[in-house]
Amino acid sequence: MANHKATKKDARQALKRRDRNRYYGKTTRNAIRKFSAIEDAATATEQMPLVASMIDKLAKRNVIHKNKAANLKSALAKRLNAKSAAATA
């Protein structure tokens, strides 16, 4: 365990940041799962910007890497396009 006052404070702050980042990450993963479960193309189209925004915020906060954020959004867009194509066919 740390002995200096500033190091103890840094450890406390790191725990708070870790909990906050875990919450944001879990919330975003749940949103992605819910988005994937949507069958209706119109509803999915409405939800896409919200989920993409959550992913961008994770990347901005350095919870996930920016390339991972891009890959996640790309996969969501592919799913959305497949749903839209199935709806029109």
C-alpha atoms as a PDB file:
ATOM      1  CA  MET A   1       0.000   0.000   0.000  1.00  0.00           C
ATOM      2  CA  ALA A   2       1.092   3.557  -0.702  1.00  0.00           C
ATOM      3  CA  ASN A   3       2.771   5.577   2.023  1.00  0.00           C
ATOM      4  CA  HIS A   4       2.600   9.110   0.668  1.00  0.00           C
ATOM      5  CA  LYS A   5      -0.518  11.190   1.076  1.00  0.00           C
ATOM      6  CA  ALA A   6      -0.726  12.100  -2.628  1.00  0.00           C
ATOM      7  CA  THR A   7      -0.250   8.481  -3.670  1.00  0.00           C
ATOM      8  CA  LYS A   8      -3.069   7.366  -1.378  1.00  0.00           C
ATOM      9  CA  LYS A   9      -5.308  10.010  -2.920  1.00  0.00           C
ATOM     10  CA  ASP A  10      -4.318   8.862  -6.413  1.00  0.00           C
ATOM     11  CA  ALA A  11      -5.245   5.287  -5.497  1.00  0.00           C
ATOM     12  CA  ARG A  12      -8.673   6.444  -4.268  1.00  0.00           C
ATOM     13  CA  GLN A  13      -9.241   8.424  -7.446  1.00  0.00           C
ATOM     14  CA  ALA A  14      -8.191   5.467  -9.589  1.00  0.00           C
ATOM     15  CA  LEU A  15     -10.785   3.269  -7.858  1.00  0.00           C
ATOM     16  CA  LYS A  16     -13.499   5.856  -8.497  1.00  0.00           C
ATOM     17  CA  ARG A  17     -12.492   6.176 -12.156  1.00  0.00           C
ATOM     18  CA  ARG A  18     -12.415   2.383 -12.526  1.00  0.00           C
ATOM     19  CA  ASP A  19     -15.936   2.027 -11.131  1.00  0.00           C
ATOM     20  CA  ARG A  20     -17.216   4.840 -13.325  1.00  0.00           C
ATOM     21  CA  ASN A  21     -15.561   3.396 -16.451  1.00  0.00           C
ATOM     22  CA  ARG A  22     -16.933  -0.082 -15.696  1.00  0.00           C
ATOM     23  CA  TYR A  23     -20.427   1.401 -15.376  1.00  0.00           C
ATOM     24  CA  TYR A  24     -20.179   3.286 -18.686  1.00  0.00           C
ATOM     25  CA  GLY A  25     -18.714   0.248 -20.432  1.00  0.00           C
ATOM     26  CA  LYS A  26     -21.370  -2.135 -19.140  1.00  0.00           C
ATOM     27  CA  THR A  27     -24.178   0.283 -19.980  1.00  0.00           C
ATOM     28  CA  THR A  28     -22.873   0.635 -23.530  1.00  0.00           C
ATOM     29  CA  ARG A  29     -22.504  -3.141 -23.967  1.00  0.00           C
ATOM     30  CA  ASN A  30     -26.112  -3.589 -22.832  1.00  0.00           C
ATOM     31  CA  ALA A  31     -27.236  -0.915 -25.303  1.00  0.00           C
ATOM     32  CA  ILE A  32     -25.395  -2.741 -28.103  1.00  0.00           C
ATOM     33  CA  ARG A  33     -27.089  -6.018 -27.132  1.00  0.00           C
ATOM     34  CA  LYS A  34     -30.509  -4.358 -27.106  1.00  0.00           C
ATOM     35  CA  PHE A  35     -29.786  -2.767 -30.491  1.00  0.00           C
ATOM     36  CA  SER A  36     -28.820  -6.152 -31.934  1.00  0.00           C
ATOM     37  CA  ALA A  37     -32.049  -7.673 -30.627  1.00  0.00           C
ATOM     38  CA  ILE A  38     -34.246  -5.087 -32.379  1.00  0.00           C
ATOM     39  CA  GLU A  39     -36.062  -6.642 -35.331  1.00  0.00           C
ATOM     40  CA  ASP A  40     -37.807  -3.525 -36.687  1.00  0.00           C
ATOM     41  CA  ALA A  41     -35.628  -1.533 -39.104  1.00  0.00           C
ATOM     42  CA  ALA A  42     -37.311   1.782 -38.261  1.00  0.00           C
ATOM     43  CA  THR A  43     -36.705   1.379 -34.531  1.00  0.00           C
ATOM     44  CA  ALA A  44     -33.115   0.320 -35.176  1.00  0.00           C
ATOM     45  CA  THR A  45     -32.588   3.409 -37.337  1.00  0.00           C
ATOM     46  CA  GLU A  46     -33.784   5.608 -34.464  1.00  0.00           C
ATOM     47  CA  GLN A  47     -31.545   3.850 -31.917  1.00  0.00           C
ATOM     48  CA  MET A  48     -28.366   3.804 -34.034  1.00  0.00           C
ATOM     49  CA  PRO A  49     -27.262   7.410 -33.327  1.00  0.00           C
ATOM     50  CA  LEU A  50     -27.802   6.935 -29.587  1.00  0.00           C
ATOM     51  CA  VAL A  51     -25.717   3.767 -29.420  1.00  0.00           C
ATOM     52  CA  ALA A  52     -23.009   5.257 -31.659  1.00  0.00           C
ATOM     53  CA  SER A  53     -22.858   8.274 -29.368  1.00  0.00           C
ATOM     54  CA  MET A  54     -22.368   6.043 -26.329  1.00  0.00           C
ATOM     55  CA  ILE A  55     -19.523   4.239 -28.097  1.00  0.00           C
ATOM     56  CA  ASP A  56     -17.904   7.561 -29.080  1.00  0.00           C
ATOM     57  CA  LYS A  57     -18.067   8.747 -25.472  1.00  0.00           C
ATOM     58  CA  LEU A  58     -16.262   5.598 -24.327  1.00  0.00           C
ATOM     59  CA  ALA A  59     -13.503   6.267 -26.833  1.00  0.00           C
ATOM     60  CA  LYS A  60     -13.305   9.922 -25.801  1.00  0.00           C
ATOM     61  CA  ARG A  61     -12.911   8.913 -22.149  1.00  0.00           C
ATOM     62  CA  ASN A  62     -10.242   6.354 -23.129  1.00  0.00           C
ATOM     63  CA  VAL A  63     -12.323   3.477 -21.769  1.00  0.00           C
ATOM     64  CA  ILE A  64     -11.942   1.767 -25.148  1.00  0.00           C
ATOM     65  CA  HIS A  65      -9.532   2.407 -28.006  1.00  0.00           C
ATOM     66  CA  LYS A  66     -10.721   4.661 -30.818  1.00  0.00           C
ATOM     67  CA  ASN A  67     -10.213   1.884 -33.387  1.00  0.00           C
ATOM     68  CA  LYS A  68     -12.346  -0.489 -31.327  1.00  0.00           C
ATOM     69  CA  ALA A  69     -15.048   2.182 -31.240  1.00  0.00           C
ATOM     70  CA  ALA A  70     -14.858   2.466 -35.028  1.00  0.00           C
ATOM     71  CA  ASN A  71     -15.066  -1.317 -35.412  1.00  0.00           C
ATOM     72  CA  LEU A  72     -18.102  -1.524 -33.116  1.00  0.00           C
ATOM     73  CA  LYS A  73     -19.915   1.249 -34.975  1.00  0.00           C
ATOM     74  CA  SER A  74     -19.085  -0.386 -38.296  1.00  0.00           C
ATOM     75  CA  ALA A  75     -20.536  -3.705 -37.129  1.00  0.00           C
ATOM     76  CA  LEU A  76     -23.683  -1.944 -35.910  1.00  0.00           C
ATOM     77  CA  ALA A  77     -24.049  -0.178 -39.257  1.00  0.00           C
ATOM     78  CA  LYS A  78     -23.751  -3.514 -41.073  1.00  0.00           C
ATOM     79  CA  ARG A  79     -26.483  -4.979 -38.885  1.00  0.00           C
ATOM     80  CA  LEU A  80     -28.676  -1.947 -39.500  1.00  0.00           C
ATOM     81  CA  ASN A  81     -28.165  -2.173 -43.264  1.00  0.00           C
ATOM     82  CA  ALA A  82     -28.996  -5.880 -43.219  1.00  0.00           C
ATOM     83  CA  LYS A  83     -32.207  -5.178 -41.296  1.00  0.00           C
ATOM     84  CA  SER A  84     -33.138  -2.393 -43.700  1.00  0.00           C
ATOM     85  CA  ALA A  85     -32.467  -4.621 -46.710  1.00  0.00           C
ATOM     86  CA  ALA A  86     -34.556  -7.421 -45.214  1.00  0.00           C
ATOM     87  CA  ALA A  87     -37.383  -4.998 -44.481  1.00  0.00           C
ATOM     88  CA  THR A  88     -37.507  -3.707 -48.056  1.00  0.00           C
ATOM     89  CA  ALA A  89     -37.205  -7.156 -49.631  1.00  0.00           C
END
